[in-house]
Every structure is written in structure tokens, then in C-alpha cells.
Amino acid sequence: MRCLYCGCTESKVIDSRSADDDRTIRRRRECMGCGKRFTTYETIEMTPVLVIKSDGNRQAFDSGKIKRGIIKAAEKRPIPIEKIDALVEDITKRIYNSMEQEVTSKQIGEMVMEGLKQLDEVAYVRYASVYRSFTDIPSFMAELQRMMEKK
């Protein structure tokens, strides 16, 4: 790490602390050349994950889109935001832990439906109706029938 004041590359760490919800380490350093102190931050470098959409286009993974979709499906349902956040975090971790640089929107949708099924059946059906593009009552009823059979 190069000193901001004299350009010396030798420094020693005086203090280290967690910052940003334990995702960053804040280090207080002292330059061995001039003795002045400065602060550095160390974070994990995230490999970008691309989402392959159904039309073949690719875009950067955005957990905010997952959260917005879940919130829309869970509208007027008794689901605490903490549980929604936990589901989004779980899905995000599964995506990054897969070590794949690309994931399909279908895989993400299946993960969301799997999580919603355990949280709230009504929210699950709402999400599934959009995700699976139910176009008529029989296709909607078929999904409900599958749910009833699993119970």
C-alpha cells in the first residue's frame, strides 16, 4: 500500500476493525517512511454473475429484482420483511456459492418459488401465476391441484 503523503510502500497496521456489516475490514496504517497515518478498506472482490434471460439476453444479477418480485407476490399477506430479506439473501448466497458465472432466469424463478412455497402458499401461487404465465383457468387449477396432492 503506497502512502498518500510520501509515496513509501512500507506501512504497518495499527488497528483493524470490521465495517459495513462484516463485509469490509477497515485498517488504520502508519507509514514507515514519514510516520503519518492513513486508513484503508479491504473488501472481497465479487465475480459478477450474469443472468441469462428467456430471450437469450444477459444482464448482471440484481438481488433487488428478486426482492421486488417477492414483495409484489406477498402484497397484503402477513409475511414479515425479515423473512423476505432472509429468502432473498439465501437465494443470493446459493447463486454466488454455485461458483457459476452465469445462471438462467428459470433457475432463479424456481428458487424463488421453492422459498415462497414454504413462506406463504398464496404468495407462491401469485408468483407462480406470473412466472409460469398461466393463461387460463385450467392451467391455474392444475397448479393448485398439484399443491393439494402434495399436502
N, C-alpha and C. Protein backbone atom coordinates (compact mmCIF):
# COMPACT_ATOMS: atom_id res chain seq x y z
N MET A 1 0.85 -1.17 0.00
CA MET A 1 0.00 0.00 0.00
C MET A 1 0.89 1.23 0.00
N ARG A 2 0.70 2.11 -0.94
CA ARG A 2 1.53 3.32 -1.08
C ARG A 2 0.98 4.44 -0.18
N CYS A 3 1.86 5.07 0.57
CA CYS A 3 1.49 6.18 1.45
C CYS A 3 0.98 7.36 0.61
N LEU A 4 -0.09 7.97 1.07
CA LEU A 4 -0.66 9.13 0.36
C LEU A 4 0.23 10.35 0.44
N TYR A 5 1.05 10.43 1.47
CA TYR A 5 1.82 11.63 1.73
C TYR A 5 3.22 11.61 1.12
N CYS A 6 3.93 10.46 1.27
CA CYS A 6 5.32 10.43 0.78
C CYS A 6 5.56 9.40 -0.32
N GLY A 7 4.58 8.52 -0.56
CA GLY A 7 4.72 7.53 -1.62
C GLY A 7 5.45 6.26 -1.21
N CYS A 8 5.85 6.16 0.02
CA CYS A 8 6.55 4.98 0.52
C CYS A 8 5.61 3.77 0.48
N THR A 9 6.16 2.61 0.13
CA THR A 9 5.32 1.41 0.04
C THR A 9 5.34 0.57 1.31
N GLU A 10 6.08 0.98 2.31
CA GLU A 10 6.15 0.25 3.57
C GLU A 10 5.25 0.91 4.61
N SER A 11 4.35 0.11 5.18
CA SER A 11 3.49 0.61 6.26
C SER A 11 3.19 -0.53 7.20
N LYS A 12 2.76 -0.16 8.41
CA LYS A 12 2.36 -1.21 9.36
C LYS A 12 0.92 -0.94 9.79
N VAL A 13 0.22 -2.03 10.09
CA VAL A 13 -1.18 -1.92 10.50
C VAL A 13 -1.21 -1.60 11.99
N ILE A 14 -1.91 -0.52 12.34
CA ILE A 14 -2.04 -0.08 13.72
C ILE A 14 -3.31 -0.68 14.34
N ASP A 15 -4.40 -0.71 13.55
CA ASP A 15 -5.70 -1.16 14.06
C ASP A 15 -6.52 -1.74 12.90
N SER A 16 -7.26 -2.82 13.17
CA SER A 16 -8.17 -3.42 12.18
C SER A 16 -9.54 -3.58 12.82
N ARG A 17 -10.57 -3.24 12.06
CA ARG A 17 -11.94 -3.38 12.54
C ARG A 17 -12.85 -3.79 11.41
N SER A 18 -13.96 -4.43 11.79
CA SER A 18 -15.00 -4.76 10.82
C SER A 18 -15.77 -3.50 10.49
N ALA A 19 -16.21 -3.43 9.26
CA ALA A 19 -17.05 -2.33 8.83
C ALA A 19 -18.07 -2.86 7.83
N ASP A 20 -19.14 -2.12 7.62
CA ASP A 20 -20.13 -2.48 6.60
C ASP A 20 -20.68 -3.88 6.81
N ASP A 21 -21.23 -4.15 8.00
CA ASP A 21 -21.84 -5.45 8.32
C ASP A 21 -20.89 -6.62 8.10
N ASP A 22 -19.65 -6.48 8.54
CA ASP A 22 -18.64 -7.53 8.45
C ASP A 22 -18.28 -7.91 7.01
N ARG A 23 -18.52 -7.05 6.07
CA ARG A 23 -18.17 -7.32 4.67
C ARG A 23 -16.89 -6.58 4.27
N THR A 24 -16.45 -5.69 5.13
CA THR A 24 -15.28 -4.88 4.86
C THR A 24 -14.42 -4.82 6.12
N ILE A 25 -13.12 -4.77 5.92
CA ILE A 25 -12.20 -4.57 7.05
C ILE A 25 -11.58 -3.19 6.89
N ARG A 26 -11.68 -2.40 7.95
CA ARG A 26 -11.08 -1.06 7.97
C ARG A 26 -9.75 -1.19 8.68
N ARG A 27 -8.69 -0.75 8.02
CA ARG A 27 -7.35 -0.84 8.61
C ARG A 27 -6.75 0.56 8.75
N ARG A 28 -6.24 0.83 9.93
CA ARG A 28 -5.53 2.07 10.19
C ARG A 28 -4.06 1.73 10.04
N ARG A 29 -3.35 2.46 9.18
CA ARG A 29 -1.95 2.16 8.89
C ARG A 29 -1.06 3.36 9.24
N GLU A 30 0.20 3.03 9.49
CA GLU A 30 1.19 4.06 9.73
C GLU A 30 2.34 3.86 8.75
N CYS A 31 2.69 4.92 8.03
CA CYS A 31 3.77 4.86 7.04
C CYS A 31 5.10 4.71 7.76
N MET A 32 5.92 3.79 7.27
CA MET A 32 7.24 3.57 7.86
C MET A 32 8.22 4.66 7.43
N GLY A 33 7.89 5.37 6.34
CA GLY A 33 8.78 6.42 5.84
C GLY A 33 8.58 7.74 6.56
N CYS A 34 7.34 8.25 6.59
CA CYS A 34 7.11 9.58 7.15
C CYS A 34 6.37 9.55 8.49
N GLY A 35 5.83 8.38 8.86
CA GLY A 35 5.16 8.26 10.16
C GLY A 35 3.71 8.72 10.18
N LYS A 36 3.21 9.22 9.06
CA LYS A 36 1.82 9.67 9.02
C LYS A 36 0.90 8.46 8.93
N ARG A 37 -0.35 8.67 9.37
CA ARG A 37 -1.32 7.59 9.38
C ARG A 37 -2.39 7.79 8.32
N PHE A 38 -2.90 6.67 7.81
CA PHE A 38 -3.99 6.71 6.83
C PHE A 38 -4.84 5.46 6.98
N THR A 39 -6.02 5.48 6.40
CA THR A 39 -6.98 4.38 6.52
C THR A 39 -7.16 3.69 5.18
N THR A 40 -7.22 2.37 5.21
CA THR A 40 -7.52 1.59 4.01
C THR A 40 -8.71 0.68 4.32
N TYR A 41 -9.38 0.26 3.27
CA TYR A 41 -10.51 -0.66 3.40
C TYR A 41 -10.26 -1.87 2.53
N GLU A 42 -10.53 -3.05 3.06
CA GLU A 42 -10.33 -4.30 2.34
C GLU A 42 -11.69 -4.97 2.19
N THR A 43 -12.05 -5.30 0.94
CA THR A 43 -13.33 -5.98 0.68
C THR A 43 -13.09 -7.20 -0.20
N ILE A 44 -14.04 -8.09 -0.20
CA ILE A 44 -13.97 -9.27 -1.05
C ILE A 44 -14.35 -8.86 -2.47
N GLU A 45 -13.55 -9.29 -3.41
CA GLU A 45 -13.86 -9.00 -4.80
C GLU A 45 -14.90 -10.01 -5.28
N MET A 46 -16.02 -9.49 -5.72
CA MET A 46 -17.12 -10.35 -6.17
C MET A 46 -17.01 -10.55 -7.68
N THR A 47 -17.08 -11.80 -8.09
CA THR A 47 -17.11 -12.11 -9.51
C THR A 47 -18.53 -11.83 -10.00
N PRO A 48 -18.69 -11.03 -11.03
CA PRO A 48 -20.05 -10.73 -11.47
C PRO A 48 -20.74 -11.98 -12.02
N VAL A 49 -22.01 -12.10 -11.69
CA VAL A 49 -22.83 -13.20 -12.18
C VAL A 49 -23.80 -12.62 -13.19
N LEU A 50 -23.90 -13.26 -14.34
CA LEU A 50 -24.83 -12.82 -15.37
C LEU A 50 -26.06 -13.71 -15.37
N VAL A 51 -27.21 -13.10 -15.59
CA VAL A 51 -28.46 -13.84 -15.68
C VAL A 51 -28.81 -13.96 -17.16
N ILE A 52 -29.05 -15.21 -17.58
CA ILE A 52 -29.46 -15.45 -18.97
C ILE A 52 -30.98 -15.44 -18.99
N LYS A 53 -31.54 -14.44 -19.65
CA LYS A 53 -32.99 -14.30 -19.73
C LYS A 53 -33.55 -15.31 -20.73
N SER A 54 -34.86 -15.47 -20.73
CA SER A 54 -35.50 -16.46 -21.61
C SER A 54 -35.31 -16.14 -23.09
N ASP A 55 -35.10 -14.86 -23.42
CA ASP A 55 -34.87 -14.49 -24.82
C ASP A 55 -33.40 -14.57 -25.22
N GLY A 56 -32.55 -15.03 -24.29
CA GLY A 56 -31.12 -15.19 -24.58
C GLY A 56 -30.26 -14.01 -24.17
N ASN A 57 -30.87 -12.88 -23.85
CA ASN A 57 -30.11 -11.72 -23.40
C ASN A 57 -29.48 -11.99 -22.05
N ARG A 58 -28.39 -11.31 -21.77
CA ARG A 58 -27.71 -11.44 -20.49
C ARG A 58 -27.67 -10.09 -19.80
N GLN A 59 -27.86 -10.14 -18.49
CA GLN A 59 -27.74 -8.92 -17.70
C GLN A 59 -27.17 -9.27 -16.35
N ALA A 60 -26.63 -8.29 -15.68
CA ALA A 60 -26.00 -8.50 -14.37
C ALA A 60 -27.04 -8.93 -13.35
N PHE A 61 -26.64 -9.87 -12.49
CA PHE A 61 -27.52 -10.34 -11.42
C PHE A 61 -27.82 -9.18 -10.48
N ASP A 62 -29.08 -9.05 -10.10
CA ASP A 62 -29.51 -7.98 -9.20
C ASP A 62 -30.50 -8.57 -8.19
N SER A 63 -30.05 -8.72 -6.95
CA SER A 63 -30.93 -9.31 -5.92
C SER A 63 -32.12 -8.41 -5.63
N GLY A 64 -32.02 -7.13 -5.96
CA GLY A 64 -33.13 -6.20 -5.77
C GLY A 64 -34.34 -6.59 -6.60
N LYS A 65 -34.09 -7.14 -7.79
CA LYS A 65 -35.20 -7.58 -8.64
C LYS A 65 -35.94 -8.75 -8.00
N ILE A 66 -35.19 -9.64 -7.38
CA ILE A 66 -35.80 -10.78 -6.71
C ILE A 66 -36.67 -10.27 -5.56
N LYS A 67 -36.13 -9.35 -4.78
CA LYS A 67 -36.87 -8.82 -3.63
C LYS A 67 -38.14 -8.12 -4.08
N ARG A 68 -38.05 -7.31 -5.14
CA ARG A 68 -39.25 -6.61 -5.63
C ARG A 68 -40.32 -7.59 -6.09
N GLY A 69 -39.90 -8.67 -6.76
CA GLY A 69 -40.86 -9.68 -7.21
C GLY A 69 -41.53 -10.39 -6.05
N ILE A 70 -40.77 -10.70 -5.02
CA ILE A 70 -41.32 -11.38 -3.85
C ILE A 70 -42.28 -10.45 -3.10
N ILE A 71 -41.88 -9.18 -2.96
CA ILE A 71 -42.74 -8.22 -2.27
C ILE A 71 -44.06 -8.05 -3.02
N LYS A 72 -43.99 -8.01 -4.33
CA LYS A 72 -45.22 -7.89 -5.13
C LYS A 72 -46.12 -9.11 -4.92
N ALA A 73 -45.55 -10.30 -4.91
CA ALA A 73 -46.33 -11.52 -4.70
C ALA A 73 -46.88 -11.60 -3.28
N ALA A 74 -46.17 -11.03 -2.32
CA ALA A 74 -46.55 -11.12 -0.92
C ALA A 74 -47.39 -9.92 -0.46
N GLU A 75 -47.78 -9.08 -1.38
CA GLU A 75 -48.56 -7.90 -1.04
C GLU A 75 -49.83 -8.28 -0.27
N LYS A 76 -50.08 -7.58 0.82
CA LYS A 76 -51.26 -7.79 1.68
C LYS A 76 -51.29 -9.18 2.31
N ARG A 77 -50.13 -9.79 2.46
CA ARG A 77 -50.00 -11.08 3.14
C ARG A 77 -49.22 -10.87 4.43
N PRO A 78 -49.45 -11.68 5.44
CA PRO A 78 -48.77 -11.49 6.73
C PRO A 78 -47.35 -12.07 6.75
N ILE A 79 -46.51 -11.58 5.85
CA ILE A 79 -45.13 -12.06 5.79
C ILE A 79 -44.21 -10.92 6.24
N PRO A 80 -43.48 -11.10 7.33
CA PRO A 80 -42.57 -10.04 7.78
C PRO A 80 -41.45 -9.80 6.77
N ILE A 81 -41.03 -8.56 6.66
CA ILE A 81 -39.97 -8.19 5.72
C ILE A 81 -38.68 -8.93 6.05
N GLU A 82 -38.48 -9.29 7.31
CA GLU A 82 -37.27 -10.03 7.70
C GLU A 82 -37.21 -11.38 7.00
N LYS A 83 -38.37 -12.02 6.85
CA LYS A 83 -38.41 -13.33 6.18
C LYS A 83 -38.17 -13.17 4.68
N ILE A 84 -38.68 -12.10 4.12
CA ILE A 84 -38.43 -11.83 2.69
C ILE A 84 -36.95 -11.58 2.48
N ASP A 85 -36.36 -10.74 3.35
CA ASP A 85 -34.92 -10.46 3.24
C ASP A 85 -34.09 -11.74 3.39
N ALA A 86 -34.50 -12.61 4.32
CA ALA A 86 -33.78 -13.87 4.53
C ALA A 86 -33.87 -14.75 3.29
N LEU A 87 -35.03 -14.78 2.65
CA LEU A 87 -35.20 -15.58 1.43
C LEU A 87 -34.33 -15.03 0.31
N VAL A 88 -34.33 -13.71 0.14
CA VAL A 88 -33.51 -13.08 -0.90
C VAL A 88 -32.03 -13.35 -0.63
N GLU A 89 -31.62 -13.24 0.62
CA GLU A 89 -30.21 -13.49 0.98
C GLU A 89 -29.83 -14.95 0.71
N ASP A 90 -30.75 -15.87 1.04
CA ASP A 90 -30.49 -17.29 0.80
C ASP A 90 -30.32 -17.57 -0.69
N ILE A 91 -31.20 -17.01 -1.50
CA ILE A 91 -31.12 -17.21 -2.96
C ILE A 91 -29.82 -16.61 -3.50
N THR A 92 -29.49 -15.42 -3.04
CA THR A 92 -28.26 -14.75 -3.48
C THR A 92 -27.04 -15.59 -3.12
N LYS A 93 -27.00 -16.11 -1.90
CA LYS A 93 -25.88 -16.95 -1.48
C LYS A 93 -25.79 -18.21 -2.34
N ARG A 94 -26.93 -18.83 -2.61
CA ARG A 94 -26.92 -20.05 -3.42
C ARG A 94 -26.38 -19.75 -4.82
N ILE A 95 -26.73 -18.61 -5.37
CA ILE A 95 -26.26 -18.25 -6.70
C ILE A 95 -24.75 -18.02 -6.70
N TYR A 96 -24.25 -17.24 -5.74
CA TYR A 96 -22.82 -16.96 -5.68
C TYR A 96 -22.01 -18.19 -5.27
N ASN A 97 -22.56 -19.02 -4.38
CA ASN A 97 -21.85 -20.22 -3.94
C ASN A 97 -21.80 -21.30 -5.01
N SER A 98 -22.63 -21.18 -6.03
CA SER A 98 -22.60 -22.17 -7.11
C SER A 98 -21.32 -22.05 -7.94
N MET A 99 -20.63 -20.92 -7.79
CA MET A 99 -19.38 -20.64 -8.49
C MET A 99 -19.57 -20.55 -10.01
N GLU A 100 -20.80 -20.44 -10.46
CA GLU A 100 -21.09 -20.28 -11.88
C GLU A 100 -21.09 -18.78 -12.19
N GLN A 101 -20.62 -18.43 -13.38
CA GLN A 101 -20.63 -17.03 -13.77
C GLN A 101 -21.93 -16.65 -14.48
N GLU A 102 -22.71 -17.67 -14.85
CA GLU A 102 -24.00 -17.42 -15.49
C GLU A 102 -25.05 -18.32 -14.86
N VAL A 103 -26.24 -17.77 -14.70
CA VAL A 103 -27.37 -18.51 -14.17
C VAL A 103 -28.59 -18.11 -14.99
N THR A 104 -29.49 -19.05 -15.21
CA THR A 104 -30.67 -18.72 -16.02
C THR A 104 -31.75 -18.11 -15.13
N SER A 105 -32.58 -17.29 -15.74
CA SER A 105 -33.69 -16.69 -15.00
C SER A 105 -34.64 -17.79 -14.53
N LYS A 106 -34.69 -18.88 -15.28
CA LYS A 106 -35.55 -20.00 -14.88
C LYS A 106 -35.07 -20.61 -13.56
N GLN A 107 -33.75 -20.77 -13.40
CA GLN A 107 -33.20 -21.31 -12.15
C GLN A 107 -33.54 -20.39 -10.98
N ILE A 108 -33.43 -19.09 -11.20
CA ILE A 108 -33.73 -18.13 -10.15
C ILE A 108 -35.22 -18.21 -9.80
N GLY A 109 -36.07 -18.25 -10.81
CA GLY A 109 -37.51 -18.34 -10.58
C GLY A 109 -37.89 -19.57 -9.79
N GLU A 110 -37.24 -20.69 -10.08
CA GLU A 110 -37.53 -21.93 -9.35
C GLU A 110 -37.10 -21.80 -7.88
N MET A 111 -35.96 -21.15 -7.63
CA MET A 111 -35.51 -20.94 -6.25
C MET A 111 -36.50 -20.06 -5.48
N VAL A 112 -36.99 -19.01 -6.16
CA VAL A 112 -37.95 -18.11 -5.52
C VAL A 112 -39.24 -18.88 -5.19
N MET A 113 -39.72 -19.66 -6.15
CA MET A 113 -40.97 -20.40 -5.91
C MET A 113 -40.80 -21.42 -4.78
N GLU A 114 -39.66 -22.07 -4.76
CA GLU A 114 -39.38 -23.04 -3.69
C GLU A 114 -39.43 -22.37 -2.32
N GLY A 115 -38.82 -21.18 -2.22
CA GLY A 115 -38.82 -20.44 -0.96
C GLY A 115 -40.19 -19.91 -0.60
N LEU A 116 -40.92 -19.39 -1.59
CA LEU A 116 -42.25 -18.85 -1.32
C LEU A 116 -43.23 -19.94 -0.91
N LYS A 117 -43.06 -21.12 -1.45
CA LYS A 117 -43.96 -22.23 -1.11
C LYS A 117 -43.89 -22.51 0.39
N GLN A 118 -42.69 -22.35 0.96
CA GLN A 118 -42.53 -22.60 2.39
C GLN A 118 -42.98 -21.41 3.24
N LEU A 119 -42.90 -20.20 2.67
CA LEU A 119 -43.29 -19.00 3.41
C LEU A 119 -44.80 -18.80 3.44
N ASP A 120 -45.41 -18.81 2.26
CA ASP A 120 -46.82 -18.47 2.15
C ASP A 120 -47.37 -19.01 0.83
N GLU A 121 -48.38 -19.87 0.91
CA GLU A 121 -48.91 -20.51 -0.29
C GLU A 121 -49.59 -19.53 -1.24
N VAL A 122 -50.25 -18.52 -0.69
CA VAL A 122 -50.91 -17.53 -1.54
C VAL A 122 -49.87 -16.73 -2.33
N ALA A 123 -48.80 -16.31 -1.66
CA ALA A 123 -47.73 -15.59 -2.34
C ALA A 123 -47.09 -16.49 -3.39
N TYR A 124 -46.94 -17.78 -3.07
CA TYR A 124 -46.39 -18.73 -4.02
C TYR A 124 -47.25 -18.81 -5.28
N VAL A 125 -48.57 -18.94 -5.11
CA VAL A 125 -49.48 -19.05 -6.25
C VAL A 125 -49.45 -17.76 -7.07
N ARG A 126 -49.41 -16.62 -6.41
CA ARG A 126 -49.33 -15.34 -7.14
C ARG A 126 -48.06 -15.28 -7.99
N TYR A 127 -46.93 -15.63 -7.37
CA TYR A 127 -45.66 -15.60 -8.09
C TYR A 127 -45.68 -16.61 -9.24
N ALA A 128 -46.16 -17.82 -8.97
CA ALA A 128 -46.20 -18.86 -9.99
C ALA A 128 -47.10 -18.47 -11.15
N SER A 129 -48.18 -17.76 -10.86
CA SER A 129 -49.10 -17.38 -11.94
C SER A 129 -48.43 -16.45 -12.93
N VAL A 130 -47.55 -15.59 -12.45
CA VAL A 130 -46.81 -14.70 -13.36
C VAL A 130 -45.63 -15.43 -13.97
N TYR A 131 -44.88 -16.15 -13.12
CA TYR A 131 -43.67 -16.84 -13.58
C TYR A 131 -43.98 -17.90 -14.63
N ARG A 132 -45.02 -18.68 -14.37
CA ARG A 132 -45.36 -19.76 -15.31
C ARG A 132 -46.34 -19.31 -16.37
N SER A 133 -46.69 -18.04 -16.35
CA SER A 133 -47.57 -17.44 -17.37
C SER A 133 -48.87 -18.22 -17.53
N PHE A 134 -49.59 -18.40 -16.43
CA PHE A 134 -50.89 -19.05 -16.53
C PHE A 134 -51.77 -18.20 -17.45
N THR A 135 -52.26 -18.79 -18.49
CA THR A 135 -53.05 -18.04 -19.46
C THR A 135 -54.54 -18.32 -19.34
N ASP A 136 -54.88 -19.40 -18.63
CA ASP A 136 -56.30 -19.73 -18.48
C ASP A 136 -56.54 -20.42 -17.14
N ILE A 137 -57.80 -20.59 -16.81
CA ILE A 137 -58.17 -21.18 -15.53
C ILE A 137 -57.69 -22.63 -15.40
N PRO A 138 -57.81 -23.48 -16.45
CA PRO A 138 -57.34 -24.86 -16.29
C PRO A 138 -55.86 -24.99 -15.90
N SER A 139 -54.98 -24.16 -16.46
CA SER A 139 -53.57 -24.24 -16.10
C SER A 139 -53.35 -23.79 -14.65
N PHE A 140 -54.12 -22.79 -14.23
CA PHE A 140 -54.06 -22.31 -12.86
C PHE A 140 -54.56 -23.40 -11.90
N MET A 141 -55.66 -24.03 -12.26
CA MET A 141 -56.24 -25.09 -11.44
C MET A 141 -55.31 -26.30 -11.35
N ALA A 142 -54.60 -26.59 -12.43
CA ALA A 142 -53.66 -27.72 -12.44
C ALA A 142 -52.56 -27.50 -11.40
N GLU A 143 -52.07 -26.27 -11.30
CA GLU A 143 -51.04 -25.95 -10.31
C GLU A 143 -51.60 -26.08 -8.89
N LEU A 144 -52.81 -25.59 -8.69
CA LEU A 144 -53.44 -25.71 -7.38
C LEU A 144 -53.66 -27.18 -7.01
N GLN A 145 -54.05 -27.97 -8.00
CA GLN A 145 -54.26 -29.40 -7.78
C GLN A 145 -52.96 -30.08 -7.34
N ARG A 146 -51.85 -29.73 -8.00
CA ARG A 146 -50.54 -30.29 -7.62
C ARG A 146 -50.21 -29.94 -6.17
N MET A 147 -50.51 -28.72 -5.78
CA MET A 147 -50.25 -28.30 -4.41
C MET A 147 -51.09 -29.10 -3.42
N MET A 148 -52.35 -29.33 -3.76
CA MET A 148 -53.26 -30.07 -2.88
C MET A 148 -52.80 -31.52 -2.75
N GLU A 149 -52.32 -32.10 -3.82
CA GLU A 149 -51.87 -33.50 -3.80
C GLU A 149 -50.63 -33.67 -2.92
N LYS A 150 -49.75 -32.67 -2.92
CA LYS A 150 -48.53 -32.75 -2.11
C LYS A 150 -48.82 -32.65 -0.63
N LYS A 151 -49.96 -32.05 -0.29
CA LYS A 151 -50.35 -31.94 1.13
C LYS A 151 -50.93 -33.24 1.55
